[in-house]
Amino acid sequence: MQKTIKVLFVVCVVLAMVGVASQCYAQDPAKKLGRGLANVLTGWVELPKNIYETSVEENMLTGITMGLAKGVGMTIVRTGAGVYEAVTFPFPIPEDYKPVLEPEFVFSE
């Protein structure tokens, strides 16, 4: 009886650990190329996104001024990072094909 309870406890702990563990996936050249192309094509979305987010966080005037400036800057950065990743996709730069920008995509949190 005591042994059965211990085995059941271990099984429950293992199942809980598997259920809580975050999903991991390997970065590879195809993922890097897809990420690069997505950022080249959607980099411009940073402009309205930053205007909106700044307007919601602060106020409309700040959103139109500072959000616009931040959006222009992030549009250039995201599009440039997308071009860089699309051109260098065959090479593991940075190490293990990790993304150059965080978040990886414009719509990621």
PDB file of N, CA and C in Angstrom:
ATOM      1  N   MET A   1       0.827  -1.189   0.000  1.00  0.00           N
ATOM      2  CA  MET A   1       0.000   0.000   0.000  1.00  0.00           C
ATOM      3  C   MET A   1       0.877   1.261   0.000  1.00  0.00           C
ATOM      4  N   GLN A   2       1.895   1.267   0.864  1.00  0.00           N
ATOM      5  CA  GLN A   2       2.801   2.396   0.977  1.00  0.00           C
ATOM      6  C   GLN A   2       3.553   2.601  -0.351  1.00  0.00           C
ATOM      7  N   LYS A   3       3.959   1.505  -0.966  1.00  0.00           N
ATOM      8  CA  LYS A   3       4.699   1.578  -2.229  1.00  0.00           C
ATOM      9  C   LYS A   3       3.795   2.113  -3.343  1.00  0.00           C
ATOM     10  N   THR A   4       2.545   1.716  -3.374  1.00  0.00           N
ATOM     11  CA  THR A   4       1.597   2.174  -4.383  1.00  0.00           C
ATOM     12  C   THR A   4       1.380   3.679  -4.276  1.00  0.00           C
ATOM     13  N   ILE A   5       1.299   4.189  -3.066  1.00  0.00           N
ATOM     14  CA  ILE A   5       1.111   5.627  -2.855  1.00  0.00           C
ATOM     15  C   ILE A   5       2.335   6.388  -3.352  1.00  0.00           C
ATOM     16  N   LYS A   6       3.533   5.870  -3.084  1.00  0.00           N
ATOM     17  CA  LYS A   6       4.763   6.524  -3.543  1.00  0.00           C
ATOM     18  C   LYS A   6       4.824   6.555  -5.072  1.00  0.00           C
ATOM     19  N   VAL A   7       4.487   5.452  -5.709  1.00  0.00           N
ATOM     20  CA  VAL A   7       4.511   5.387  -7.174  1.00  0.00           C
ATOM     21  C   VAL A   7       3.490   6.349  -7.762  1.00  0.00           C
ATOM     22  N   LEU A   8       2.305   6.378  -7.184  1.00  0.00           N
ATOM     23  CA  LEU A   8       1.264   7.287  -7.635  1.00  0.00           C
ATOM     24  C   LEU A   8       1.706   8.744  -7.470  1.00  0.00           C
ATOM     25  N   PHE A   9       2.357   9.054  -6.359  1.00  0.00           N
ATOM     26  CA  PHE A   9       2.867  10.395  -6.117  1.00  0.00           C
ATOM     27  C   PHE A   9       3.910  10.778  -7.169  1.00  0.00           C
ATOM     28  N   VAL A  10       4.832   9.882  -7.469  1.00  0.00           N
ATOM     29  CA  VAL A  10       5.873  10.151  -8.470  1.00  0.00           C
ATOM     30  C   VAL A  10       5.248  10.370  -9.843  1.00  0.00           C
ATOM     31  N   VAL A  11       4.270   9.556 -10.190  1.00  0.00           N
ATOM     32  CA  VAL A  11       3.588   9.713 -11.479  1.00  0.00           C
ATOM     33  C   VAL A  11       2.896  11.079 -11.553  1.00  0.00           C
ATOM     34  N   CYS A  12       2.238  11.477 -10.477  1.00  0.00           N
ATOM     35  CA  CYS A  12       1.570  12.788 -10.450  1.00  0.00           C
ATOM     36  C   CYS A  12       2.574  13.927 -10.579  1.00  0.00           C
ATOM     37  N   VAL A  13       3.703  13.832  -9.905  1.00  0.00           N
ATOM     38  CA  VAL A  13       4.741  14.873  -9.991  1.00  0.00           C
ATOM     39  C   VAL A  13       5.289  14.961 -11.412  1.00  0.00           C
ATOM     40  N   VAL A  14       5.564  13.833 -12.031  1.00  0.00           N
ATOM     41  CA  VAL A  14       6.089  13.829 -13.402  1.00  0.00           C
ATOM     42  C   VAL A  14       5.065  14.430 -14.361  1.00  0.00           C
ATOM     43  N   LEU A  15       3.806  14.061 -14.231  1.00  0.00           N
ATOM     44  CA  LEU A  15       2.765  14.617 -15.101  1.00  0.00           C
ATOM     45  C   LEU A  15       2.618  16.126 -14.895  1.00  0.00           C
ATOM     46  N   ALA A  16       2.713  16.573 -13.660  1.00  0.00           N
ATOM     47  CA  ALA A  16       2.633  18.012 -13.382  1.00  0.00           C
ATOM     48  C   ALA A  16       3.809  18.746 -14.004  1.00  0.00           C
ATOM     49  N   MET A  17       4.999  18.177 -13.925  1.00  0.00           N
ATOM     50  CA  MET A  17       6.181  18.821 -14.513  1.00  0.00           C
ATOM     51  C   MET A  17       6.065  18.901 -16.028  1.00  0.00           C
ATOM     52  N   VAL A  18       5.570  17.864 -16.652  1.00  0.00           N
ATOM     53  CA  VAL A  18       5.407  17.858 -18.105  1.00  0.00           C
ATOM     54  C   VAL A  18       4.341  18.869 -18.515  1.00  0.00           C
ATOM     55  N   GLY A  19       3.280  18.965 -17.746  1.00  0.00           N
ATOM     56  CA  GLY A  19       2.210  19.900 -18.064  1.00  0.00           C
ATOM     57  C   GLY A  19       2.596  21.357 -17.885  1.00  0.00           C
ATOM     58  N   VAL A  20       3.493  21.641 -16.965  1.00  0.00           N
ATOM     59  CA  VAL A  20       3.898  23.009 -16.669  1.00  0.00           C
ATOM     60  C   VAL A  20       5.074  23.452 -17.534  1.00  0.00           C
ATOM     61  N   ALA A  21       5.842  22.525 -18.024  1.00  0.00           N
ATOM     62  CA  ALA A  21       7.042  22.864 -18.796  1.00  0.00           C
ATOM     63  C   ALA A  21       6.678  23.678 -20.031  1.00  0.00           C
ATOM     64  N   SER A  22       7.506  24.661 -20.341  1.00  0.00           N
ATOM     65  CA  SER A  22       7.258  25.491 -21.522  1.00  0.00           C
ATOM     66  C   SER A  22       7.684  24.744 -22.775  1.00  0.00           C
ATOM     67  N   GLN A  23       7.046  25.096 -23.861  1.00  0.00           N
ATOM     68  CA  GLN A  23       7.347  24.445 -25.112  1.00  0.00           C
ATOM     69  C   GLN A  23       8.669  24.973 -25.651  1.00  0.00           C
ATOM     70  N   CYS A  24       9.562  24.082 -25.999  1.00  0.00           N
ATOM     71  CA  CYS A  24      10.858  24.465 -26.554  1.00  0.00           C
ATOM     72  C   CYS A  24      10.901  24.005 -28.008  1.00  0.00           C
ATOM     73  N   TYR A  25      11.544  24.784 -28.830  1.00  0.00           N
ATOM     74  CA  TYR A  25      11.725  24.369 -30.200  1.00  0.00           C
ATOM     75  C   TYR A  25      13.075  24.866 -30.682  1.00  0.00           C
ATOM     76  N   ALA A  26      13.636  24.114 -31.570  1.00  0.00           N
ATOM     77  CA  ALA A  26      14.963  24.450 -32.069  1.00  0.00           C
ATOM     78  C   ALA A  26      14.862  25.535 -33.131  1.00  0.00           C
ATOM     79  N   GLN A  27      15.799  26.456 -33.097  1.00  0.00           N
ATOM     80  CA  GLN A  27      15.898  27.461 -34.145  1.00  0.00           C
ATOM     81  C   GLN A  27      16.674  26.821 -35.296  1.00  0.00           C
ATOM     82  N   ASP A  28      16.277  27.119 -36.508  1.00  0.00           N
ATOM     83  CA  ASP A  28      16.958  26.577 -37.669  1.00  0.00           C
ATOM     84  C   ASP A  28      16.946  27.610 -38.784  1.00  0.00           C
ATOM     85  N   PRO A  29      17.675  27.360 -39.889  1.00  0.00           N
ATOM     86  CA  PRO A  29      17.734  28.347 -40.973  1.00  0.00           C
ATOM     87  C   PRO A  29      16.368  28.705 -41.548  1.00  0.00           C
ATOM     88  N   ALA A  30      15.475  27.740 -41.681  1.00  0.00           N
ATOM     89  CA  ALA A  30      14.155  28.018 -42.254  1.00  0.00           C
ATOM     90  C   ALA A  30      13.361  28.956 -41.347  1.00  0.00           C
ATOM     91  N   LYS A  31      13.434  28.738 -40.045  1.00  0.00           N
ATOM     92  CA  LYS A  31      12.747  29.619 -39.092  1.00  0.00           C
ATOM     93  C   LYS A  31      13.330  31.027 -39.171  1.00  0.00           C
ATOM     94  N   LYS A  32      14.657  31.125 -39.291  1.00  0.00           N
ATOM     95  CA  LYS A  32      15.316  32.426 -39.384  1.00  0.00           C
ATOM     96  C   LYS A  32      14.901  33.144 -40.669  1.00  0.00           C
ATOM     97  N   LEU A  33      14.843  32.436 -41.771  1.00  0.00           N
ATOM     98  CA  LEU A  33      14.418  33.037 -43.038  1.00  0.00           C
ATOM     99  C   LEU A  33      12.967  33.507 -42.947  1.00  0.00           C
ATOM    100  N   GLY A  34      12.097  32.679 -42.399  1.00  0.00           N
ATOM    101  CA  GLY A  34      10.694  33.068 -42.247  1.00  0.00           C
ATOM    102  C   GLY A  34      10.527  34.285 -41.361  1.00  0.00           C
ATOM    103  N   ARG A  35      11.282  34.317 -40.269  1.00  0.00           N
ATOM    104  CA  ARG A  35      11.235  35.457 -39.360  1.00  0.00           C
ATOM    105  C   ARG A  35      11.733  36.719 -40.062  1.00  0.00           C
ATOM    106  N   GLY A  36      12.798  36.581 -40.841  1.00  0.00           N
ATOM    107  CA  GLY A  36      13.337  37.727 -41.576  1.00  0.00           C
ATOM    108  C   GLY A  36      12.351  38.264 -42.597  1.00  0.00           C
ATOM    109  N   LEU A  37      11.755  37.385 -43.376  1.00  0.00           N
ATOM    110  CA  LEU A  37      10.791  37.815 -44.391  1.00  0.00           C
ATOM    111  C   LEU A  37       9.544  38.433 -43.743  1.00  0.00           C
ATOM    112  N   ALA A  38       9.098  37.840 -42.637  1.00  0.00           N
ATOM    113  CA  ALA A  38       7.936  38.391 -41.932  1.00  0.00           C
ATOM    114  C   ALA A  38       8.235  39.803 -41.426  1.00  0.00           C
ATOM    115  N   ASN A  39       9.432  40.018 -40.903  1.00  0.00           N
ATOM    116  CA  ASN A  39       9.778  41.341 -40.388  1.00  0.00           C
ATOM    117  C   ASN A  39       9.990  42.354 -41.508  1.00  0.00           C
ATOM    118  N   VAL A  40      10.472  41.914 -42.658  1.00  0.00           N
ATOM    119  CA  VAL A  40      10.593  42.834 -43.800  1.00  0.00           C
ATOM    120  C   VAL A  40       9.202  43.263 -44.266  1.00  0.00           C
ATOM    121  N   LEU A  41       8.282  42.310 -44.355  1.00  0.00           N
ATOM    122  CA  LEU A  41       6.945  42.603 -44.861  1.00  0.00           C
ATOM    123  C   LEU A  41       6.056  43.333 -43.866  1.00  0.00           C
ATOM    124  N   THR A  42       6.266  43.116 -42.573  1.00  0.00           N
ATOM    125  CA  THR A  42       5.385  43.728 -41.571  1.00  0.00           C
ATOM    126  C   THR A  42       6.088  44.783 -40.720  1.00  0.00           C
ATOM    127  N   GLY A  43       7.295  45.159 -41.070  1.00  0.00           N
ATOM    128  CA  GLY A  43       8.015  46.164 -40.290  1.00  0.00           C
ATOM    129  C   GLY A  43       7.280  47.483 -40.200  1.00  0.00           C
ATOM    130  N   TRP A  44       6.565  47.859 -41.251  1.00  0.00           N
ATOM    131  CA  TRP A  44       5.829  49.120 -41.280  1.00  0.00           C
ATOM    132  C   TRP A  44       4.716  49.170 -40.243  1.00  0.00           C
ATOM    133  N   VAL A  45       4.275  48.014 -39.752  1.00  0.00           N
ATOM    134  CA  VAL A  45       3.196  47.964 -38.768  1.00  0.00           C
ATOM    135  C   VAL A  45       3.650  48.573 -37.432  1.00  0.00           C
ATOM    136  N   GLU A  46       4.968  48.661 -37.219  1.00  0.00           N
ATOM    137  CA  GLU A  46       5.480  49.284 -35.995  1.00  0.00           C
ATOM    138  C   GLU A  46       4.995  50.728 -35.866  1.00  0.00           C
ATOM    139  N   LEU A  47       4.804  51.424 -36.975  1.00  0.00           N
ATOM    140  CA  LEU A  47       4.400  52.829 -36.935  1.00  0.00           C
ATOM    141  C   LEU A  47       3.018  53.006 -36.292  1.00  0.00           C
ATOM    142  N   PRO A  48       1.948  52.449 -36.846  1.00  0.00           N
ATOM    143  CA  PRO A  48       0.652  52.624 -36.185  1.00  0.00           C
ATOM    144  C   PRO A  48       0.576  51.933 -34.820  1.00  0.00           C
ATOM    145  N   LYS A  49       1.289  50.825 -34.666  1.00  0.00           N
ATOM    146  CA  LYS A  49       1.278  50.107 -33.388  1.00  0.00           C
ATOM    147  C   LYS A  49       1.826  50.993 -32.269  1.00  0.00           C
ATOM    148  N   ASN A  50       2.954  51.666 -32.512  1.00  0.00           N
ATOM    149  CA  ASN A  50       3.552  52.506 -31.480  1.00  0.00           C
ATOM    150  C   ASN A  50       2.733  53.764 -31.214  1.00  0.00           C
ATOM    151  N   ILE A  51       2.130  54.314 -32.247  1.00  0.00           N
ATOM    152  CA  ILE A  51       1.250  55.467 -32.032  1.00  0.00           C
ATOM    153  C   ILE A  51       0.077  55.063 -31.150  1.00  0.00           C
ATOM    154  N   TYR A  52      -0.532  53.941 -31.455  1.00  0.00           N
ATOM    155  CA  TYR A  52      -1.679  53.464 -30.672  1.00  0.00           C
ATOM    156  C   TYR A  52      -1.278  53.154 -29.231  1.00  0.00           C
ATOM    157  N   GLU A  53      -0.202  52.364 -29.055  1.00  0.00           N
ATOM    158  CA  GLU A  53       0.210  51.971 -27.706  1.00  0.00           C
ATOM    159  C   GLU A  53       0.580  53.184 -26.851  1.00  0.00           C
ATOM    160  N   THR A  54       1.290  54.147 -27.436  1.00  0.00           N
ATOM    161  CA  THR A  54       1.663  55.340 -26.677  1.00  0.00           C
ATOM    162  C   THR A  54       0.435  56.174 -26.347  1.00  0.00           C
ATOM    163  N   SER A  55      -0.520  56.246 -27.266  1.00  0.00           N
ATOM    164  CA  SER A  55      -1.758  56.982 -26.999  1.00  0.00           C
ATOM    165  C   SER A  55      -2.550  56.354 -25.860  1.00  0.00           C
ATOM    166  N   VAL A  56      -2.577  55.043 -25.807  1.00  0.00           N
ATOM    167  CA  VAL A  56      -3.313  54.347 -24.751  1.00  0.00           C
ATOM    168  C   VAL A  56      -2.595  54.505 -23.405  1.00  0.00           C
ATOM    169  N   GLU A  57      -1.255  54.372 -23.419  1.00  0.00           N
ATOM    170  CA  GLU A  57      -0.490  54.457 -22.175  1.00  0.00           C
ATOM    171  C   GLU A  57      -0.438  55.878 -21.627  1.00  0.00           C
ATOM    172  N   GLU A  58      -0.254  56.867 -22.497  1.00  0.00           N
ATOM    173  CA  GLU A  58      -0.095  58.257 -22.066  1.00  0.00           C
ATOM    174  C   GLU A  58      -1.356  59.061 -22.403  1.00  0.00           C
ATOM    175  N   ASN A  59      -1.313  59.718 -23.561  1.00  0.00           N
ATOM    176  CA  ASN A  59      -2.468  60.459 -24.062  1.00  0.00           C
ATOM    177  C   ASN A  59      -2.324  60.622 -25.564  1.00  0.00           C
ATOM    178  N   MET A  60      -3.336  61.160 -26.204  1.00  0.00           N
ATOM    179  CA  MET A  60      -3.351  61.222 -27.656  1.00  0.00           C
ATOM    180  C   MET A  60      -2.219  62.100 -28.221  1.00  0.00           C
ATOM    181  N   LEU A  61      -1.954  63.245 -27.600  1.00  0.00           N
ATOM    182  CA  LEU A  61      -0.892  64.130 -28.078  1.00  0.00           C
ATOM    183  C   LEU A  61       0.471  63.452 -28.002  1.00  0.00           C
ATOM    184  N   THR A  62       0.730  62.763 -26.906  1.00  0.00           N
ATOM    185  CA  THR A  62       1.989  62.029 -26.770  1.00  0.00           C
ATOM    186  C   THR A  62       2.052  60.902 -27.791  1.00  0.00           C
ATOM    187  N   GLY A  63       0.931  60.262 -28.047  1.00  0.00           N
ATOM    188  CA  GLY A  63       0.898  59.189 -29.042  1.00  0.00           C
ATOM    189  C   GLY A  63       1.222  59.694 -30.432  1.00  0.00           C
ATOM    190  N   ILE A  64       0.680  60.869 -30.769  1.00  0.00           N
ATOM    191  CA  ILE A  64       0.926  61.411 -32.102  1.00  0.00           C
ATOM    192  C   ILE A  64       2.371  61.879 -32.265  1.00  0.00           C
ATOM    193  N   THR A  65       2.976  62.388 -31.198  1.00  0.00           N
ATOM    194  CA  THR A  65       4.346  62.904 -31.308  1.00  0.00           C
ATOM    195  C   THR A  65       5.380  61.830 -30.983  1.00  0.00           C
ATOM    196  N   MET A  66       5.418  61.406 -29.728  1.00  0.00           N
ATOM    197  CA  MET A  66       6.426  60.437 -29.303  1.00  0.00           C
ATOM    198  C   MET A  66       6.167  59.052 -29.904  1.00  0.00           C
ATOM    199  N   GLY A  67       4.905  58.670 -30.000  1.00  0.00           N
ATOM    200  CA  GLY A  67       4.566  57.385 -30.615  1.00  0.00           C
ATOM    201  C   GLY A  67       4.967  57.344 -32.073  1.00  0.00           C
ATOM    202  N   LEU A  68       4.774  58.477 -32.766  1.00  0.00           N
ATOM    203  CA  LEU A  68       5.186  58.563 -34.167  1.00  0.00           C
ATOM    204  C   LEU A  68       6.695  58.422 -34.294  1.00  0.00           C
ATOM    205  N   ALA A  69       7.442  59.131 -33.444  1.00  0.00           N
ATOM    206  CA  ALA A  69       8.905  59.060 -33.491  1.00  0.00           C
ATOM    207  C   ALA A  69       9.393  57.646 -33.171  1.00  0.00           C
ATOM    208  N   LYS A  70       8.821  57.042 -32.133  1.00  0.00           N
ATOM    209  CA  LYS A  70       9.202  55.677 -31.773  1.00  0.00           C
ATOM    210  C   LYS A  70       8.826  54.704 -32.886  1.00  0.00           C
ATOM    211  N   GLY A  71       7.662  54.900 -33.483  1.00  0.00           N
ATOM    212  CA  GLY A  71       7.210  54.025 -34.566  1.00  0.00           C
ATOM    213  C   GLY A  71       8.102  54.096 -35.785  1.00  0.00           C
ATOM    214  N   VAL A  72       8.526  55.311 -36.159  1.00  0.00           N
ATOM    215  CA  VAL A  72       9.439  55.455 -37.302  1.00  0.00           C
ATOM    216  C   VAL A  72      10.753  54.731 -37.007  1.00  0.00           C
ATOM    217  N   GLY A  73      11.275  54.947 -35.802  1.00  0.00           N
ATOM    218  CA  GLY A  73      12.529  54.283 -35.429  1.00  0.00           C
ATOM    219  C   GLY A  73      12.417  52.776 -35.432  1.00  0.00           C
ATOM    220  N   MET A  74      11.338  52.256 -34.841  1.00  0.00           N
ATOM    221  CA  MET A  74      11.166  50.804 -34.778  1.00  0.00           C
ATOM    222  C   MET A  74      10.856  50.197 -36.142  1.00  0.00           C
ATOM    223  N   THR A  75      10.219  50.979 -37.029  1.00  0.00           N
ATOM    224  CA  THR A  75       9.994  50.496 -38.393  1.00  0.00           C
ATOM    225  C   THR A  75      11.325  50.259 -39.080  1.00  0.00           C
ATOM    226  N   ILE A  76      12.233  51.212 -38.932  1.00  0.00           N
ATOM    227  CA  ILE A  76      13.563  51.083 -39.545  1.00  0.00           C
ATOM    228  C   ILE A  76      14.316  49.916 -38.925  1.00  0.00           C
ATOM    229  N   VAL A  77      14.275  49.807 -37.609  1.00  0.00           N
ATOM    230  CA  VAL A  77      15.000  48.737 -36.916  1.00  0.00           C
ATOM    231  C   VAL A  77      14.437  47.366 -37.293  1.00  0.00           C
ATOM    232  N   ARG A  78      13.115  47.203 -37.247  1.00  0.00           N
ATOM    233  CA  ARG A  78      12.520  45.889 -37.527  1.00  0.00           C
ATOM    234  C   ARG A  78      12.729  45.483 -38.987  1.00  0.00           C
ATOM    235  N   THR A  79      12.558  46.423 -39.907  1.00  0.00           N
ATOM    236  CA  THR A  79      12.765  46.101 -41.321  1.00  0.00           C
ATOM    237  C   THR A  79      14.232  45.772 -41.581  1.00  0.00           C
ATOM    238  N   GLY A  80      15.129  46.549 -40.984  1.00  0.00           N
ATOM    239  CA  GLY A  80      16.564  46.272 -41.136  1.00  0.00           C
ATOM    240  C   GLY A  80      16.951  44.924 -40.557  1.00  0.00           C
ATOM    241  N   ALA A  81      16.414  44.589 -39.397  1.00  0.00           N
ATOM    242  CA  ALA A  81      16.689  43.285 -38.796  1.00  0.00           C
ATOM    243  C   ALA A  81      16.133  42.167 -39.670  1.00  0.00           C
ATOM    244  N   GLY A  82      14.975  42.407 -40.285  1.00  0.00           N
ATOM    245  CA  GLY A  82      14.399  41.409 -41.187  1.00  0.00           C
ATOM    246  C   GLY A  82      15.270  41.179 -42.407  1.00  0.00           C
ATOM    247  N   VAL A  83      15.787  42.263 -42.981  1.00  0.00           N
ATOM    248  CA  VAL A  83      16.694  42.132 -44.134  1.00  0.00           C
ATOM    249  C   VAL A  83      17.948  41.365 -43.713  1.00  0.00           C
ATOM    250  N   TYR A  84      18.513  41.726 -42.564  1.00  0.00           N
ATOM    251  CA  TYR A  84      19.714  41.054 -42.060  1.00  0.00           C
ATOM    252  C   TYR A  84      19.467  39.561 -41.877  1.00  0.00           C
ATOM    253  N   GLU A  85      18.335  39.205 -41.254  1.00  0.00           N
ATOM    254  CA  GLU A  85      18.059  37.791 -41.018  1.00  0.00           C
ATOM    255  C   GLU A  85      17.755  37.040 -42.313  1.00  0.00           C
ATOM    256  N   ALA A  86      17.100  37.695 -43.265  1.00  0.00           N
ATOM    257  CA  ALA A  86      16.805  37.032 -44.537  1.00  0.00           C
ATOM    258  C   ALA A  86      18.080  36.794 -45.335  1.00  0.00           C
ATOM    259  N   VAL A  87      19.013  37.730 -45.273  1.00  0.00           N
ATOM    260  CA  VAL A  87      20.264  37.591 -46.034  1.00  0.00           C
ATOM    261  C   VAL A  87      21.197  36.571 -45.379  1.00  0.00           C
ATOM    262  N   THR A  88      21.242  36.554 -44.049  1.00  0.00           N
ATOM    263  CA  THR A  88      22.180  35.679 -43.345  1.00  0.00           C
ATOM    264  C   THR A  88      21.551  34.384 -42.848  1.00  0.00           C
ATOM    265  N   PHE A  89      20.386  34.009 -43.372  1.00  0.00           N
ATOM    266  CA  PHE A  89      19.692  32.836 -42.842  1.00  0.00           C
ATOM    267  C   PHE A  89      20.491  31.541 -42.915  1.00  0.00           C
ATOM    268  N   PRO A  90      21.397  31.321 -43.891  1.00  0.00           N
ATOM    269  CA  PRO A  90      22.118  30.046 -43.896  1.00  0.00           C
ATOM    270  C   PRO A  90      23.164  29.921 -42.781  1.00  0.00           C
ATOM    271  N   PHE A  91      23.513  31.023 -42.152  1.00  0.00           N
ATOM    272  CA  PHE A  91      24.593  31.020 -41.170  1.00  0.00           C
ATOM    273  C   PHE A  91      24.035  31.146 -39.752  1.00  0.00           C
ATOM    274  N   PRO A  92      24.580  30.403 -38.795  1.00  0.00           N
ATOM    275  CA  PRO A  92      24.084  30.462 -37.416  1.00  0.00           C
ATOM    276  C   PRO A  92      24.584  31.707 -36.670  1.00  0.00           C
ATOM    277  N   ILE A  93      24.250  32.874 -37.214  1.00  0.00           N
ATOM    278  CA  ILE A  93      24.636  34.145 -36.609  1.00  0.00           C
ATOM    279  C   ILE A  93      23.358  34.891 -36.264  1.00  0.00           C
ATOM    280  N   PRO A  94      23.076  35.296 -35.051  1.00  0.00           N
ATOM    281  CA  PRO A  94      23.776  34.957 -33.820  1.00  0.00           C
ATOM    282  C   PRO A  94      23.682  33.466 -33.522  1.00  0.00           C
ATOM    283  N   GLU A  95      24.361  33.064 -32.490  1.00  0.00           N
ATOM    284  CA  GLU A  95      24.500  31.653 -32.165  1.00  0.00           C
ATOM    285  C   GLU A  95      23.151  30.931 -32.145  1.00  0.00           C
ATOM    286  N   ASP A  96      23.122  29.784 -32.792  1.00  0.00           N
ATOM    287  CA  ASP A  96      21.929  28.915 -32.849  1.00  0.00           C
ATOM    288  C   ASP A  96      20.722  29.578 -33.504  1.00  0.00           C
ATOM    289  N   TYR A  97      20.950  30.497 -34.417  1.00  0.00           N
ATOM    290  CA  TYR A  97      19.874  31.147 -35.189  1.00  0.00           C
ATOM    291  C   TYR A  97      18.893  31.896 -34.293  1.00  0.00           C
ATOM    292  N   LYS A  98      19.350  32.412 -33.179  1.00  0.00           N
ATOM    293  CA  LYS A  98      18.460  33.148 -32.275  1.00  0.00           C
ATOM    294  C   LYS A  98      18.020  34.452 -32.924  1.00  0.00           C
ATOM    295  N   PRO A  99      16.851  34.975 -32.552  1.00  0.00           N
ATOM    296  CA  PRO A  99      16.363  36.213 -33.170  1.00  0.00           C
ATOM    297  C   PRO A  99      17.222  37.413 -32.795  1.00  0.00           C
ATOM    298  N   VAL A 100      17.325  38.352 -33.730  1.00  0.00           N
ATOM    299  CA  VAL A 100      18.082  39.579 -33.501  1.00  0.00           C
ATOM    300  C   VAL A 100      17.278  40.524 -32.615  1.00  0.00           C
ATOM    301  N   LEU A 101      15.966  40.551 -32.799  1.00  0.00           N
ATOM    302  CA  LEU A 101      15.083  41.432 -32.032  1.00  0.00           C
ATOM    303  C   LEU A 101      14.184  40.627 -31.105  1.00  0.00           C
ATOM    304  N   GLU A 102      13.841  41.237 -30.002  1.00  0.00           N
ATOM    305  CA  GLU A 102      12.816  40.697 -29.112  1.00  0.00           C
ATOM    306  C   GLU A 102      11.724  41.733 -28.988  1.00  0.00           C
ATOM    307  N   PRO A 103      10.502  41.433 -29.212  1.00  0.00           N
ATOM    308  CA  PRO A 103       9.941  40.164 -29.640  1.00  0.00           C
ATOM    309  C   PRO A 103      10.307  39.845 -31.094  1.00  0.00           C
ATOM    310  N   GLU A 104      10.240  38.572 -31.430  1.00  0.00           N
ATOM    311  CA  GLU A 104      10.637  38.116 -32.763  1.00  0.00           C
ATOM    312  C   GLU A 104       9.819  38.769 -33.875  1.00  0.00           C
ATOM    313  N   PHE A 105       8.528  38.908 -33.650  1.00  0.00           N
ATOM    314  CA  PHE A 105       7.614  39.440 -34.664  1.00  0.00           C
ATOM    315  C   PHE A 105       6.914  40.680 -34.127  1.00  0.00           C
ATOM    316  N   VAL A 106       6.414  41.497 -35.015  1.00  0.00           N
ATOM    317  CA  VAL A 106       5.791  42.758 -34.621  1.00  0.00           C
ATOM    318  C   VAL A 106       4.562  42.544 -33.745  1.00  0.00           C
ATOM    319  N   PHE A 107       3.846  41.454 -33.927  1.00  0.00           N
ATOM    320  CA  PHE A 107       2.625  41.214 -33.161  1.00  0.00           C
ATOM    321  C   PHE A 107       2.854  40.375 -31.905  1.00  0.00           C
ATOM    322  N   SER A 108       4.091  39.950 -31.640  1.00  0.00           N
ATOM    323  CA  SER A 108       4.388  39.169 -30.437  1.00  0.00           C
ATOM    324  C   SER A 108       4.491  40.093 -29.231  1.00  0.00           C
ATOM    325  N   GLU A 109       4.208  39.538 -28.078  1.00  0.00           N
ATOM    326  CA  GLU A 109       4.332  40.321 -26.836  1.00  0.00           C
ATOM    327  C   GLU A 109       5.715  40.215 -26.294  1.00  0.00           C
TER     328      GLU A 109
END
